Structures are given as structure tokens and as C-alpha cells.
Amino acid sequence: MMTQELNKVAKDVRKLVSEALVGGPSSVLPRWRAEVRRSILMLPPEERLGKLSMYEIDELKQKIAEIKVKMERYDTKRFLEIMGVK
């Protein structure tokens, strides 16, 4: 079970970090892109994930969930929907 969770977390971290390395999540509004990008880059490197305990994996999952909530909150499409622009 721990290896399955670790694989899921590693996949999420890999995806988020690769997106942040090319300038941040493109779906996030420019005003908050740096904040979201900083949160992503503060995640532990992929090499260190294999040494985490189950508690640390759960904490990391919570951080990833918080980052995803920020990305959804500051999403460009959502902003355009709120402003009534199609």
C-alpha cells in the first residue's frame, strides 16, 4: 500500500515540478502564478521521496492537494467565466 501511495505522489510531484520548471502552471492567472510555482518548487525532490515515511507521504499529499486547490481557484478559465467573457 505504501509503495502504491508513493508512486501516486511521485507521479503528481513529477507532473507539477515539470510544469513549474517551464514557467509555472500556464492555466493559473499571471498574478498568482509565482505563488503557485513557489509552492510547487518547495516540494521535496523526487530522489528523496523513496525515503519518506507514511506520515510524511500523507503530509505531502495534503500539500499537493492544497496546490491543486490554488490552481483551481486562480484558473484562467474560471476567471473568464466569472467575468462573463467567453
C-alpha atoms as a PDB file:
ATOM      1  CA  MET A   1       0.000   0.000   0.000  1.00  0.00           C
ATOM      2  CA  MET A   2       2.811   2.376   0.844  1.00  0.00           C
ATOM      3  CA  THR A   3       4.512   1.812  -2.490  1.00  0.00           C
ATOM      4  CA  GLN A   4       1.253   2.492  -4.318  1.00  0.00           C
ATOM      5  CA  GLU A   5       0.798   5.768  -2.448  1.00  0.00           C
ATOM      6  CA  LEU A   6       4.424   6.650  -3.045  1.00  0.00           C
ATOM      7  CA  ASN A   7       4.033   6.019  -6.775  1.00  0.00           C
ATOM      8  CA  LYS A   8       0.924   8.224  -6.933  1.00  0.00           C
ATOM      9  CA  VAL A   9       2.639  11.027  -5.024  1.00  0.00           C
ATOM     10  CA  ALA A  10       5.790  10.733  -7.125  1.00  0.00           C
ATOM     11  CA  LYS A  11       3.717  10.979 -10.298  1.00  0.00           C
ATOM     12  CA  ASP A  12       1.940  14.109  -9.011  1.00  0.00           C
ATOM     13  CA  VAL A  13       5.207  15.708  -7.895  1.00  0.00           C
ATOM     14  CA  ARG A  14       6.880  14.903 -11.215  1.00  0.00           C
ATOM     15  CA  LYS A  15       3.990  16.419 -13.165  1.00  0.00           C
ATOM     16  CA  LEU A  16       3.798  19.587 -11.042  1.00  0.00           C
ATOM     17  CA  VAL A  17       7.551  20.186 -10.987  1.00  0.00           C
ATOM     18  CA  SER A  18       7.931  19.678 -14.722  1.00  0.00           C
ATOM     19  CA  GLU A  19       5.155  22.210 -15.272  1.00  0.00           C
ATOM     20  CA  ALA A  20       6.769  24.681 -12.848  1.00  0.00           C
ATOM     21  CA  LEU A  21      10.192  24.387 -14.449  1.00  0.00           C
ATOM     22  CA  VAL A  22       8.902  25.700 -17.770  1.00  0.00           C
ATOM     23  CA  GLY A  23       7.415  28.845 -16.268  1.00  0.00           C
ATOM     24  CA  GLY A  24       4.705  27.696 -13.950  1.00  0.00           C
ATOM     25  CA  PRO A  25       1.248  26.312 -14.489  1.00  0.00           C
ATOM     26  CA  SER A  26       0.001  28.036 -17.626  1.00  0.00           C
ATOM     27  CA  SER A  27      -3.631  27.724 -16.535  1.00  0.00           C
ATOM     28  CA  VAL A  28      -3.039  29.962 -13.489  1.00  0.00           C
ATOM     29  CA  LEU A  29      -3.543  33.714 -13.746  1.00  0.00           C
ATOM     30  CA  PRO A  30      -0.226  35.596 -14.004  1.00  0.00           C
ATOM     31  CA  ARG A  31      -0.823  37.464 -10.730  1.00  0.00           C
ATOM     32  CA  TRP A  32      -0.746  34.199  -8.723  1.00  0.00           C
ATOM     33  CA  ARG A  33       1.449  32.070 -10.960  1.00  0.00           C
ATOM     34  CA  ALA A  34       4.609  32.865  -8.974  1.00  0.00           C
ATOM     35  CA  GLU A  35       2.963  31.913  -5.687  1.00  0.00           C
ATOM     36  CA  VAL A  36       1.732  28.593  -7.059  1.00  0.00           C
ATOM     37  CA  ARG A  37       5.088  27.957  -8.735  1.00  0.00           C
ATOM     38  CA  ARG A  38       6.947  28.646  -5.465  1.00  0.00           C
ATOM     39  CA  SER A  39       4.682  26.197  -3.637  1.00  0.00           C
ATOM     40  CA  ILE A  40       5.422  23.558  -6.239  1.00  0.00           C
ATOM     41  CA  LEU A  41       9.163  24.102  -6.152  1.00  0.00           C
ATOM     42  CA  MET A  42       9.138  23.768  -2.346  1.00  0.00           C
ATOM     43  CA  LEU A  43       8.051  20.128  -2.676  1.00  0.00           C
ATOM     44  CA  PRO A  44      10.769  17.582  -1.912  1.00  0.00           C
ATOM     45  CA  PRO A  45      12.813  16.345  -4.877  1.00  0.00           C
ATOM     46  CA  GLU A  46      11.819  13.077  -6.466  1.00  0.00           C
ATOM     47  CA  GLU A  47      15.030  11.372  -5.280  1.00  0.00           C
ATOM     48  CA  ARG A  48      14.016  11.943  -1.651  1.00  0.00           C
ATOM     49  CA  LEU A  49      10.509  10.508  -1.985  1.00  0.00           C
ATOM     50  CA  GLY A  50      11.672   6.924  -1.525  1.00  0.00           C
ATOM     51  CA  LYS A  51      12.953   7.757   1.962  1.00  0.00           C
ATOM     52  CA  LEU A  52       9.691   9.232   3.264  1.00  0.00           C
ATOM     53  CA  SER A  53       7.618   7.610   5.987  1.00  0.00           C
ATOM     54  CA  MET A  54       3.885   7.051   5.554  1.00  0.00           C
ATOM     55  CA  TYR A  55       3.189  10.102   7.728  1.00  0.00           C
ATOM     56  CA  GLU A  56       5.414  12.265   5.522  1.00  0.00           C
ATOM     57  CA  ILE A  57       3.723  10.878   2.408  1.00  0.00           C
ATOM     58  CA  ASP A  58       0.334  11.871   3.846  1.00  0.00           C
ATOM     59  CA  GLU A  59       1.631  15.383   4.578  1.00  0.00           C
ATOM     60  CA  LEU A  60       2.987  15.616   1.047  1.00  0.00           C
ATOM     61  CA  LYS A  61      -0.382  14.509  -0.338  1.00  0.00           C
ATOM     62  CA  GLN A  62      -2.016  17.324   1.638  1.00  0.00           C
ATOM     63  CA  LYS A  63       0.453  19.873   0.246  1.00  0.00           C
ATOM     64  CA  ILE A  64      -0.220  18.657  -3.288  1.00  0.00           C
ATOM     65  CA  ALA A  65      -3.972  18.914  -2.667  1.00  0.00           C
ATOM     66  CA  GLU A  66      -3.521  22.496  -1.411  1.00  0.00           C
ATOM     67  CA  ILE A  67      -1.531  23.376  -4.532  1.00  0.00           C
ATOM     68  CA  LYS A  68      -4.233  21.894  -6.756  1.00  0.00           C
ATOM     69  CA  VAL A  69      -6.891  23.905  -4.904  1.00  0.00           C
ATOM     70  CA  LYS A  70      -4.877  27.084  -5.517  1.00  0.00           C
ATOM     71  CA  MET A  71      -4.524  26.166  -9.180  1.00  0.00           C
ATOM     72  CA  GLU A  72      -8.292  25.686  -9.481  1.00  0.00           C
ATOM     73  CA  ARG A  73      -9.056  28.885  -7.567  1.00  0.00           C
ATOM     74  CA  TYR A  74      -6.806  31.030  -9.761  1.00  0.00           C
ATOM     75  CA  ASP A  75      -7.627  29.263 -13.022  1.00  0.00           C
ATOM     76  CA  THR A  76      -7.823  31.481 -16.101  1.00  0.00           C
ATOM     77  CA  LYS A  77     -10.940  29.751 -17.451  1.00  0.00           C
ATOM     78  CA  ARG A  78     -12.725  30.171 -14.134  1.00  0.00           C
ATOM     79  CA  PHE A  79     -11.829  33.874 -14.079  1.00  0.00           C
ATOM     80  CA  LEU A  80     -13.210  34.344 -17.587  1.00  0.00           C
ATOM     81  CA  GLU A  81     -16.435  32.577 -16.601  1.00  0.00           C
ATOM     82  CA  ILE A  82     -16.819  34.838 -13.574  1.00  0.00           C
ATOM     83  CA  MET A  83     -16.196  37.951 -15.674  1.00  0.00           C
ATOM     84  CA  GLY A  84     -18.717  36.765 -18.275  1.00  0.00           C
ATOM     85  CA  VAL A  85     -16.199  36.592 -21.122  1.00  0.00           C
ATOM     86  CA  LYS A  86     -16.500  33.664 -23.492  1.00  0.00           C
END
